[in-house]
Amino acid sequence: MSEVEVLLSTPLARFAGGETRFQVPAGTFRHIMAGVYERHPALRRQVADKGGAFLPFVSVFLGEDNIRDLDSMDVVVAPRTTVMIMSAVAGG
């Protein structure tokens, strides 16, 4: 089975049972995120709004490409690509 590696920032790992690294089946980016949400349902409300758009403080990268710079959620992601999902950390 072809898979991609998903990396979560430490603040998001608490919504994924402490996992910061796991694999889901490759496919379109939309398909990959469905796999992420299936594995860790609590992540959905932490990274996306009800319409599925990523929240402003969440950054998602396919390899080195920011998903916001790509044309579509339906972009095909090659197997063995790293998908990084990061949230901003507030500090003061």
Protein backbone atom coordinates (compact mmCIF):
# COMPACT_ATOMS: atom_id res chain seq x y z
CA MET A 1 0.00 0.00 0.00
CA SER A 2 1.29 3.46 -0.87
CA GLU A 3 1.34 5.82 2.08
CA VAL A 4 2.34 9.32 3.08
CA GLU A 5 3.85 10.28 6.40
CA VAL A 6 1.95 12.80 8.49
CA LEU A 7 3.82 14.92 11.02
CA LEU A 8 1.90 16.90 13.65
CA SER A 9 3.21 19.80 15.67
CA THR A 10 3.45 19.10 19.39
CA PRO A 11 0.41 21.27 20.28
CA LEU A 12 -1.76 19.22 17.89
CA ALA A 13 -0.45 15.86 19.10
CA ARG A 14 -2.63 16.04 22.21
CA PHE A 15 -5.66 15.72 19.89
CA ALA A 16 -4.07 12.67 18.26
CA GLY A 17 -3.41 10.51 21.30
CA GLY A 18 0.09 11.97 21.60
CA GLU A 19 1.12 10.86 18.10
CA THR A 20 3.35 13.27 16.24
CA ARG A 21 4.10 10.91 13.34
CA PHE A 22 1.91 8.37 11.55
CA GLN A 23 1.04 7.15 8.06
CA VAL A 24 -2.14 7.27 6.01
CA PRO A 25 -2.87 6.04 2.47
CA ALA A 26 -1.63 8.26 -0.37
CA GLY A 27 -4.04 9.83 -2.85
CA THR A 28 -5.42 13.31 -3.28
CA PHE A 29 -4.81 15.77 -0.49
CA ARG A 30 -8.54 15.64 0.31
CA HIS A 31 -8.29 11.84 0.63
CA ILE A 32 -5.23 12.13 2.88
CA MET A 33 -6.97 14.56 5.22
CA ALA A 34 -9.98 12.22 5.38
CA GLY A 35 -7.55 9.51 6.52
CA VAL A 36 -6.05 11.84 9.13
CA TYR A 37 -9.51 12.73 10.47
CA GLU A 38 -10.59 9.08 10.46
CA ARG A 39 -7.56 8.11 12.51
CA HIS A 40 -7.82 11.12 14.86
CA PRO A 41 -11.34 12.63 14.75
CA ALA A 42 -10.56 15.29 17.38
CA LEU A 43 -8.03 16.90 15.02
CA ARG A 44 -10.72 18.06 12.59
CA ARG A 45 -12.14 20.77 14.83
CA GLN A 46 -8.63 21.89 15.82
CA VAL A 47 -7.39 22.48 12.27
CA ALA A 48 -10.44 23.18 10.07
CA ASP A 49 -13.72 25.06 10.15
CA LYS A 50 -17.11 23.40 9.55
CA GLY A 51 -16.68 23.89 5.79
CA GLY A 52 -13.33 22.09 5.81
CA ALA A 53 -11.12 25.17 5.28
CA PHE A 54 -8.01 25.27 7.41
CA LEU A 55 -8.11 27.72 10.29
CA PRO A 56 -5.92 30.82 9.84
CA PHE A 57 -3.37 29.75 12.46
CA VAL A 58 -2.85 26.29 10.93
CA SER A 59 -0.18 25.67 8.30
CA VAL A 60 -0.12 22.51 6.20
CA PHE A 61 2.76 21.54 3.95
CA LEU A 62 3.06 18.85 1.31
CA GLY A 63 6.79 18.37 1.31
CA GLU A 64 7.93 21.99 0.99
CA ASP A 65 4.71 23.31 -0.58
CA ASN A 66 2.17 25.19 1.53
CA ILE A 67 -1.28 23.78 0.72
CA ARG A 68 -2.63 27.36 0.58
CA ASP A 69 -0.39 28.00 -2.45
CA LEU A 70 -1.76 25.04 -4.39
CA ASP A 71 -4.82 25.28 -6.62
CA SER A 72 -6.95 22.59 -5.07
CA MET A 73 -7.53 20.13 -2.26
CA ASP A 74 -7.69 17.55 -5.05
CA VAL A 75 -3.98 17.75 -5.87
CA VAL A 76 -2.49 14.24 -6.05
CA VAL A 77 0.13 13.61 -3.38
CA ALA A 78 2.85 11.11 -4.26
CA PRO A 79 3.51 8.17 -1.96
CA ARG A 80 6.24 8.74 0.64
CA THR A 81 5.55 12.49 0.68
CA THR A 82 5.64 14.12 4.10
CA VAL A 83 2.53 16.07 5.12
CA MET A 84 3.20 18.48 8.00
CA ILE A 85 0.31 19.94 9.96
CA MET A 86 1.36 22.73 12.30
CA SER A 87 -0.44 25.18 14.50
CA ALA A 88 0.91 28.50 15.65
CA VAL A 89 1.99 28.68 19.26
CA ALA A 90 0.96 31.79 21.14
CA GLY A 91 3.37 33.22 23.60
CA GLY A 92 4.10 36.33 25.45
